[in-house]
C-alpha atoms as a PDB file:
ATOM      1  CA  MET A   1      -2.678 113.407  10.514  1.00  0.00           C
ATOM      2  CA  SER A   2      -3.833 111.503   7.721  1.00  0.00           C
ATOM      3  CA  THR A   3      -1.239 111.097   4.858  1.00  0.00           C
ATOM      4  CA  LEU A   4      -4.312 111.735   2.274  1.00  0.00           C
ATOM      5  CA  LYS A   5      -4.504 115.223   3.479  1.00  0.00           C
ATOM      6  CA  HIS A   6      -1.210 115.983   1.822  1.00  0.00           C
ATOM      7  CA  ILE A   7      -2.097 114.804  -1.608  1.00  0.00           C
ATOM      8  CA  PRO A   8      -3.508 117.101  -3.752  1.00  0.00           C
ATOM      9  CA  ARG A   9      -7.121 116.393  -4.593  1.00  0.00           C
ATOM     10  CA  VAL A  10      -6.612 116.297  -8.481  1.00  0.00           C
ATOM     11  CA  LEU A  11      -4.099 113.357  -7.842  1.00  0.00           C
ATOM     12  CA  ILE A  12      -6.559 111.522  -5.681  1.00  0.00           C
ATOM     13  CA  LEU A  13      -9.357 112.127  -8.265  1.00  0.00           C
ATOM     14  CA  ALA A  14      -6.960 110.748 -11.163  1.00  0.00           C
ATOM     15  CA  ALA A  15      -5.941 107.629  -9.334  1.00  0.00           C
ATOM     16  CA  ALA A  16      -9.812 106.902  -8.417  1.00  0.00           C
ATOM     17  CA  ILE A  17     -10.682 107.230 -12.205  1.00  0.00           C
ATOM     18  CA  MET A  18      -7.755 105.212 -13.272  1.00  0.00           C
ATOM     19  CA  VAL A  19      -8.816 102.355 -10.737  1.00  0.00           C
ATOM     20  CA  ALA A  20     -12.505 102.679 -11.988  1.00  0.00           C
ATOM     21  CA  GLY A  21     -11.335 102.399 -15.561  1.00  0.00           C
ATOM     22  CA  ALA A  22      -9.113  99.439 -14.974  1.00  0.00           C
ATOM     23  CA  ALA A  23     -12.006  97.688 -13.068  1.00  0.00           C
ATOM     24  CA  GLY A  24     -14.309  98.503 -15.886  1.00  0.00           C
ATOM     25  CA  SER A  25     -12.026  97.256 -18.678  1.00  0.00           C
ATOM     26  CA  VAL A  26     -11.872  93.948 -16.857  1.00  0.00           C
ATOM     27  CA  ALA A  27     -15.532  93.797 -16.521  1.00  0.00           C
ATOM     28  CA  LEU A  28     -16.043  94.460 -20.111  1.00  0.00           C
ATOM     29  CA  LYS A  29     -13.218  92.304 -21.422  1.00  0.00           C
ATOM     30  CA  PRO A  30     -14.978  89.794 -23.748  1.00  0.00           C
ATOM     31  CA  THR A  31     -14.547  86.231 -22.555  1.00  0.00           C
ATOM     32  CA  HIS A  32     -17.250  83.897 -24.215  1.00  0.00           C
ATOM     33  CA  MET A  33     -16.524  82.549 -27.793  1.00  0.00           C
ATOM     34  CA  THR A  34     -19.557  82.431 -30.006  1.00  0.00           C
ATOM     35  CA  ALA A  35     -17.914  79.541 -31.664  1.00  0.00           C
ATOM     36  CA  ASP A  36     -18.820  77.413 -28.312  1.00  0.00           C
ATOM     37  CA  ASP A  37     -22.444  77.752 -29.136  1.00  0.00           C
ATOM     38  CA  ARG A  38     -22.318  76.023 -32.315  1.00  0.00           C
ATOM     39  CA  PRO A  39     -21.231  73.022 -34.066  1.00  0.00           C
ATOM     40  CA  ALA A  40     -17.381  73.000 -34.800  1.00  0.00           C
ATOM     41  CA  LEU A  41     -16.551  74.430 -37.969  1.00  0.00           C
ATOM     42  CA  LYS A  42     -14.107  72.261 -40.218  1.00  0.00           C
ATOM     43  CA  VAL A  43     -13.699  74.083 -43.499  1.00  0.00           C
ATOM     44  CA  ALA A  44     -11.947  71.105 -45.224  1.00  0.00           C
ATOM     45  CA  GLU A  45     -14.814  68.619 -44.117  1.00  0.00           C
ATOM     46  CA  LEU A  46     -17.715  71.056 -45.290  1.00  0.00           C
ATOM     47  CA  LEU A  47     -16.323  71.806 -48.850  1.00  0.00           C
ATOM     48  CA  PRO A  48     -16.729  68.520 -51.136  1.00  0.00           C
ATOM     49  CA  LEU A  49     -13.802  67.847 -53.429  1.00  0.00           C
ATOM     50  CA  GLN A  50     -16.414  67.878 -56.314  1.00  0.00           C
ATOM     51  CA  PHE A  51     -19.688  70.080 -56.685  1.00  0.00           C
ATOM     52  CA  GLY A  52     -21.905  71.398 -59.403  1.00  0.00           C
ATOM     53  CA  ASP A  53     -19.620  71.409 -62.409  1.00  0.00           C
ATOM     54  CA  TRP A  54     -16.543  71.838 -60.361  1.00  0.00           C
ATOM     55  CA  ARG A  55     -13.807  69.217 -59.278  1.00  0.00           C
ATOM     56  CA  THR A  56     -10.714  69.421 -57.453  1.00  0.00           C
ATOM     57  CA  ASP A  57      -7.690  70.647 -59.741  1.00  0.00           C
ATOM     58  CA  GLU A  58      -4.288  69.520 -58.195  1.00  0.00           C
ATOM     59  CA  HIS A  59      -2.179  71.404 -60.910  1.00  0.00           C
ATOM     60  CA  THR A  60      -2.817  75.094 -60.334  1.00  0.00           C
ATOM     61  CA  ALA A  61      -1.219  76.637 -57.147  1.00  0.00           C
ATOM     62  CA  VAL A  62      -3.330  79.131 -54.799  1.00  0.00           C
ATOM     63  CA  VAL A  63      -0.960  82.357 -53.817  1.00  0.00           C
ATOM     64  CA  THR A  64      -0.147  81.472 -50.008  1.00  0.00           C
ATOM     65  CA  PRO A  65       1.902  83.685 -47.877  1.00  0.00           C
ATOM     66  CA  ASP A  66       5.671  83.336 -47.244  1.00  0.00           C
ATOM     67  CA  PRO A  67       6.785  80.701 -44.672  1.00  0.00           C
ATOM     68  CA  THR A  68       7.197  83.469 -42.045  1.00  0.00           C
ATOM     69  CA  LEU A  69       3.873  85.020 -42.458  1.00  0.00           C
ATOM     70  CA  THR A  70       2.280  81.495 -42.789  1.00  0.00           C
ATOM     71  CA  ALA A  71       3.710  80.532 -39.421  1.00  0.00           C
ATOM     72  CA  LYS A  72       2.062  83.725 -37.971  1.00  0.00           C
ATOM     73  CA  LEU A  73      -1.101  82.998 -39.605  1.00  0.00           C
ATOM     74  CA  ASP A  74      -1.240  79.458 -38.213  1.00  0.00           C
ATOM     75  CA  ALA A  75      -1.078  80.717 -34.812  1.00  0.00           C
ATOM     76  CA  LEU A  76      -3.863  83.287 -35.284  1.00  0.00           C
ATOM     77  CA  TYR A  77      -6.152  81.039 -37.293  1.00  0.00           C
ATOM     78  CA  SER A  78      -7.908  77.691 -36.372  1.00  0.00           C
ATOM     79  CA  GLU A  79      -7.692  76.631 -39.947  1.00  0.00           C
ATOM     80  CA  THR A  80      -6.373  77.721 -43.153  1.00  0.00           C
ATOM     81  CA  PHE A  81      -7.705  76.252 -46.463  1.00  0.00           C
ATOM     82  CA  ASN A  82      -6.567  76.261 -50.015  1.00  0.00           C
ATOM     83  CA  ARG A  83      -7.855  74.519 -53.007  1.00  0.00           C
ATOM     84  CA  THR A  84      -8.228  74.944 -56.735  1.00  0.00           C
ATOM     85  CA  TYR A  85     -11.449  74.032 -58.564  1.00  0.00           C
ATOM     86  CA  VAL A  86     -11.810  73.290 -62.387  1.00  0.00           C
ATOM     87  CA  ASN A  87     -14.911  73.034 -64.292  1.00  0.00           C
ATOM     88  CA  SER A  88     -15.791  71.099 -67.561  1.00  0.00           C
ATOM     89  CA  GLN A  89     -14.902  74.247 -69.690  1.00  0.00           C
ATOM     90  CA  GLY A  90     -11.469  74.504 -68.251  1.00  0.00           C
ATOM     91  CA  ASP A  91     -12.130  77.338 -65.991  1.00  0.00           C
ATOM     92  CA  ARG A  92     -10.091  77.457 -62.862  1.00  0.00           C
ATOM     93  CA  ILE A  93     -11.120  78.915 -59.409  1.00  0.00           C
ATOM     94  CA  MET A  94      -8.618  79.275 -56.485  1.00  0.00           C
ATOM     95  CA  LEU A  95     -10.203  79.186 -53.281  1.00  0.00           C
ATOM     96  CA  SER A  96      -8.789  80.350 -50.086  1.00  0.00           C
ATOM     97  CA  ILE A  97     -10.355  80.363 -46.543  1.00  0.00           C
ATOM     98  CA  ALA A  98      -8.832  81.441 -43.252  1.00  0.00           C
ATOM     99  CA  TYR A  99     -11.109  80.501 -40.256  1.00  0.00           C
ATOM    100  CA  GLY A 100     -10.451  81.463 -36.586  1.00  0.00           C
ATOM    101  CA  ARG A 101     -12.205  81.093 -33.470  1.00  0.00           C
ATOM    102  CA  ASN A 102     -11.064  84.476 -32.010  1.00  0.00           C
ATOM    103  CA  GLN A 103     -11.654  87.371 -34.362  1.00  0.00           C
ATOM    104  CA  ASN A 104     -11.287  89.869 -31.683  1.00  0.00           C
ATOM    105  CA  SER A 105      -8.451  91.943 -32.724  1.00  0.00           C
ATOM    106  CA  GLN A 106      -7.041  93.262 -36.031  1.00  0.00           C
ATOM    107  CA  SER A 107      -4.060  90.995 -36.171  1.00  0.00           C
ATOM    108  CA  THR A 108      -5.954  88.766 -38.402  1.00  0.00           C
ATOM    109  CA  ALA A 109      -5.847  91.229 -41.100  1.00  0.00           C
ATOM    110  CA  ALA A 110      -2.570  89.918 -42.304  1.00  0.00           C
ATOM    111  CA  HIS A 111      -4.371  87.263 -44.531  1.00  0.00           C
ATOM    112  CA  ARG A 112      -6.183  89.893 -46.649  1.00  0.00           C
ATOM    113  CA  PRO A 113      -5.279  89.986 -50.228  1.00  0.00           C
ATOM    114  CA  GLU A 114      -4.240  93.560 -50.077  1.00  0.00           C
ATOM    115  CA  PHE A 115      -1.351  92.304 -47.497  1.00  0.00           C
ATOM    116  CA  CYS A 116      -0.783  88.785 -48.405  1.00  0.00           C
ATOM    117  CA  TYR A 117      -0.394  89.424 -52.321  1.00  0.00           C
ATOM    118  CA  VAL A 118       1.667  92.552 -51.952  1.00  0.00           C
ATOM    119  CA  ALA A 119       3.984  90.450 -49.594  1.00  0.00           C
ATOM    120  CA  GLN A 120       4.456  88.186 -52.406  1.00  0.00           C
ATOM    121  CA  GLY A 121       5.491  90.843 -54.919  1.00  0.00           C
ATOM    122  CA  PHE A 122       2.074  91.680 -56.667  1.00  0.00           C
ATOM    123  CA  ASN A 123       0.593  94.866 -57.331  1.00  0.00           C
ATOM    124  CA  ILE A 124      -3.062  95.199 -56.010  1.00  0.00           C
ATOM    125  CA  GLN A 125      -5.663  97.509 -57.549  1.00  0.00           C
ATOM    126  CA  HIS A 126      -9.097  97.864 -56.132  1.00  0.00           C
ATOM    127  CA  GLU A 127     -11.962  97.186 -58.584  1.00  0.00           C
ATOM    128  CA  GLY A 128     -14.702  98.216 -56.184  1.00  0.00           C
ATOM    129  CA  PHE A 129     -17.550  96.358 -54.541  1.00  0.00           C
ATOM    130  CA  SER A 130     -20.268  94.041 -55.857  1.00  0.00           C
ATOM    131  CA  ASN A 131     -23.359  92.126 -54.658  1.00  0.00           C
ATOM    132  CA  VAL A 132     -23.507  88.359 -55.435  1.00  0.00           C
ATOM    133  CA  SER A 133     -26.957  86.705 -55.349  1.00  0.00           C
ATOM    134  CA  PHE A 134     -28.142  83.581 -53.925  1.00  0.00           C
ATOM    135  CA  PRO A 135     -31.555  81.991 -54.070  1.00  0.00           C
ATOM    136  CA  GLY A 136     -33.473  82.659 -50.738  1.00  0.00           C
ATOM    137  CA  ARG A 137     -31.013  84.826 -49.196  1.00  0.00           C
ATOM    138  CA  ALA A 138     -29.789  88.550 -49.120  1.00  0.00           C
ATOM    139  CA  PRO A 139     -27.128  89.382 -51.491  1.00  0.00           C
ATOM    140  CA  LEU A 140     -23.533  88.981 -50.509  1.00  0.00           C
ATOM    141  CA  LYS A 141     -21.366  92.310 -50.595  1.00  0.00           C
ATOM    142  CA  VAL A 142     -17.988  91.399 -51.707  1.00  0.00           C
ATOM    143  CA  ALA A 143     -14.698  93.307 -52.636  1.00  0.00           C
ATOM    144  CA  ARG A 144     -13.136  93.073 -56.035  1.00  0.00           C
ATOM    145  CA  LEU A 145      -9.322  93.408 -56.547  1.00  0.00           C
ATOM    146  CA  LEU A 146      -7.088  92.777 -59.401  1.00  0.00           C
ATOM    147  CA  ALA A 147      -3.664  91.304 -58.610  1.00  0.00           C
ATOM    148  CA  ASP A 148      -0.602  91.360 -61.227  1.00  0.00           C
ATOM    149  CA  ARG A 149       3.010  90.249 -61.045  1.00  0.00           C
ATOM    150  CA  ASP A 150       4.854  89.907 -64.372  1.00  0.00           C
ATOM    151  CA  SER A 151       2.670  87.857 -66.608  1.00  0.00           C
ATOM    152  CA  ARG A 152       0.210  86.697 -64.050  1.00  0.00           C
ATOM    153  CA  ILE A 153      -3.046  88.694 -63.897  1.00  0.00           C
ATOM    154  CA  GLU A 154      -5.321  87.405 -61.171  1.00  0.00           C
ATOM    155  CA  PRO A 155      -8.781  88.938 -60.415  1.00  0.00           C
ATOM    156  CA  ILE A 156      -9.923  88.415 -56.801  1.00  0.00           C
ATOM    157  CA  THR A 157     -13.171  88.303 -55.053  1.00  0.00           C
ATOM    158  CA  TYR A 158     -13.261  88.253 -51.286  1.00  0.00           C
ATOM    159  CA  TRP A 159     -15.233  89.067 -48.215  1.00  0.00           C
ATOM    160  CA  VAL A 160     -14.907  88.388 -44.274  1.00  0.00           C
ATOM    161  CA  THR A 161     -17.449  87.149 -41.575  1.00  0.00           C
ATOM    162  CA  LEU A 162     -17.757  87.640 -37.918  1.00  0.00           C
ATOM    163  CA  ASP A 163     -20.167  85.104 -36.401  1.00  0.00           C
ATOM    164  CA  ASP A 164     -22.877  84.806 -38.989  1.00  0.00           C
ATOM    165  CA  LYS A 165     -22.443  88.237 -40.385  1.00  0.00           C
ATOM    166  CA  ALA A 166     -20.745  88.978 -43.834  1.00  0.00           C
ATOM    167  CA  ILE A 167     -18.974  92.250 -43.607  1.00  0.00           C
ATOM    168  CA  MET A 168     -16.306  94.416 -45.349  1.00  0.00           C
ATOM    169  CA  PRO A 169     -12.843  94.792 -43.560  1.00  0.00           C
ATOM    170  CA  GLY A 170     -12.182  97.994 -42.156  1.00  0.00           C
ATOM    171  CA  MET A 171     -14.380 100.393 -40.106  1.00  0.00           C
ATOM    172  CA  GLU A 172     -17.455  97.987 -40.567  1.00  0.00           C
ATOM    173  CA  ARG A 173     -15.603  95.182 -39.132  1.00  0.00           C
ATOM    174  CA  LYS A 174     -14.148  97.027 -36.267  1.00  0.00           C
ATOM    175  CA  LEU A 175     -17.519  98.388 -35.266  1.00  0.00           C
ATOM    176  CA  THR A 176     -18.953  95.007 -35.487  1.00  0.00           C
ATOM    177  CA  GLN A 177     -16.248  93.548 -33.084  1.00  0.00           C
ATOM    178  CA  LEU A 178     -16.961  96.247 -30.688  1.00  0.00           C
ATOM    179  CA  GLN A 179     -20.702  95.479 -30.623  1.00  0.00           C
ATOM    180  CA  TYR A 180     -19.612  92.014 -29.845  1.00  0.00           C
ATOM    181  CA  GLY A 181     -17.088  92.817 -27.155  1.00  0.00           C
ATOM    182  CA  LEU A 182     -19.557  95.169 -25.383  1.00  0.00           C
ATOM    183  CA  ARG A 183     -21.792  92.116 -25.031  1.00  0.00           C
ATOM    184  CA  GLY A 184     -18.780  89.996 -23.565  1.00  0.00           C
ATOM    185  CA  LEU A 185     -18.480  87.851 -26.581  1.00  0.00           C
ATOM    186  CA  ILE A 186     -15.492  87.026 -28.905  1.00  0.00           C
ATOM    187  CA  ALA A 187     -16.876  86.238 -32.333  1.00  0.00           C
ATOM    188  CA  ASP A 188     -15.178  83.730 -34.550  1.00  0.00           C
ATOM    189  CA  GLY A 189     -15.026  84.262 -38.486  1.00  0.00           C
ATOM    190  CA  MET A 190     -13.301  83.797 -41.821  1.00  0.00           C
ATOM    191  CA  LEU A 191     -11.870  85.289 -44.775  1.00  0.00           C
ATOM    192  CA  VAL A 192     -13.090  83.869 -47.911  1.00  0.00           C
ATOM    193  CA  ARG A 193     -11.140  84.512 -51.198  1.00  0.00           C
ATOM    194  CA  VAL A 194     -11.703  83.262 -54.855  1.00  0.00           C
ATOM    195  CA  SER A 195      -9.693  84.256 -57.501  1.00  0.00           C
ATOM    196  CA  SER A 196      -8.786  83.108 -61.254  1.00  0.00           C
ATOM    197  CA  LEU A 197      -6.122  83.868 -63.950  1.00  0.00           C
ATOM    198  CA  VAL A 198      -6.717  85.797 -67.201  1.00  0.00           C
ATOM    199  CA  GLY A 199      -4.419  86.511 -70.111  1.00  0.00           C
ATOM    200  CA  ASN A 200      -4.903  90.406 -69.885  1.00  0.00           C
ATOM    201  CA  ARG A 201      -7.037  92.890 -68.059  1.00  0.00           C
ATOM    202  CA  GLN A 202      -9.614  92.837 -70.901  1.00  0.00           C
ATOM    203  CA  GLN A 203     -10.601  89.389 -69.862  1.00  0.00           C
ATOM    204  CA  LEU A 204     -11.563  90.166 -66.509  1.00  0.00           C
ATOM    205  CA  ASN A 205     -14.513  87.759 -65.466  1.00  0.00           C
ATOM    206  CA  TYR A 206     -15.914  88.159 -62.129  1.00  0.00           C
ATOM    207  CA  ALA A 207     -19.128  86.629 -63.352  1.00  0.00           C
ATOM    208  CA  LEU A 208     -17.187  83.323 -63.139  1.00  0.00           C
ATOM    209  CA  HIS A 209     -16.508  83.957 -59.422  1.00  0.00           C
ATOM    210  CA  ASP A 210     -20.036  84.489 -59.151  1.00  0.00           C
ATOM    211  CA  ARG A 211     -21.169  81.267 -60.574  1.00  0.00           C
ATOM    212  CA  PHE A 212     -18.545  79.423 -58.457  1.00  0.00           C
ATOM    213  CA  LEU A 213     -19.777  80.996 -55.149  1.00  0.00           C
ATOM    214  CA  ALA A 214     -23.347  80.194 -56.243  1.00  0.00           C
ATOM    215  CA  ASP A 215     -22.546  76.493 -56.552  1.00  0.00           C
ATOM    216  CA  MET A 216     -20.399  76.409 -53.460  1.00  0.00           C
ATOM    217  CA  GLU A 217     -23.143  77.984 -51.463  1.00  0.00           C
ATOM    218  CA  GLY A 218     -25.547  75.165 -52.722  1.00  0.00           C
ATOM    219  CA  ALA A 219     -22.855  72.519 -51.538  1.00  0.00           C
ATOM    220  CA  ILE A 220     -22.307  73.706 -48.063  1.00  0.00           C
ATOM    221  CA  PRO A 221     -24.602  71.855 -45.592  1.00  0.00           C
ATOM    222  CA  GLY A 222     -27.679  74.148 -44.532  1.00  0.00           C
ATOM    223  CA  GLY A 223     -26.630  74.682 -40.860  1.00  0.00           C
ATOM    224  CA  PHE A 224     -23.252  76.068 -41.964  1.00  0.00           C
ATOM    225  CA  LYS A 225     -24.227  78.532 -44.807  1.00  0.00           C
ATOM    226  CA  THR A 226     -24.550  81.754 -42.571  1.00  0.00           C
ATOM    227  CA  ARG A 227     -20.833  80.924 -41.228  1.00  0.00           C
ATOM    228  CA  PHE A 228     -19.652  81.523 -44.592  1.00  0.00           C
ATOM    229  CA  PHE A 229     -21.951  83.714 -46.438  1.00  0.00           C
ATOM    230  CA  GLY A 230     -23.728  85.616 -43.595  1.00  0.00           C
ATOM    231  CA  SER A 231     -27.390  85.606 -42.719  1.00  0.00           C
END
């Protein structure tokens, strides 16, 4: 007599569903990296030391994660980039970019300012969202934050990208990841953050960030603009 006759039907059905589910998950597992279909992206090579009214400043440090978190980020990202620029009026912008070929998980969220700055002892306050305009392209939606620790007050503007889409972290990013995953694709992407220092909260000047970003957009080679700012 067949052994199957002694096994309840519900257990056989459950086992069949589990096998089918496992097979389906393997079939749907993303395997192709979108970065392989495009020229290699090297952030440090694409951002000039000087552009517009901005030149590199070696004297103002960008907030970076502690060594333990830095080691983790180095494993998650293909490249992390930090540089400070200063203009002829003495205004300084700190630019931080983390680029990864594999943005298929939530692990890279560790580099978001909400986590990175708090880990360094800062208080973080959300100041809302804004649109930054560039000639000939759709406005870029960005998040505005305010970080403070002791006497350091730092307004922050940032956004993230997946492939050539500029998006906000959270549900929008998760849904976009899912869309790529269902097509068998692993999207690359980056987190772009600019910040500055002010003497007090009344001096918040996100317009300075927008001017810097407009100059930065103009300095990046045309074929790579959408990788930084979306299409």
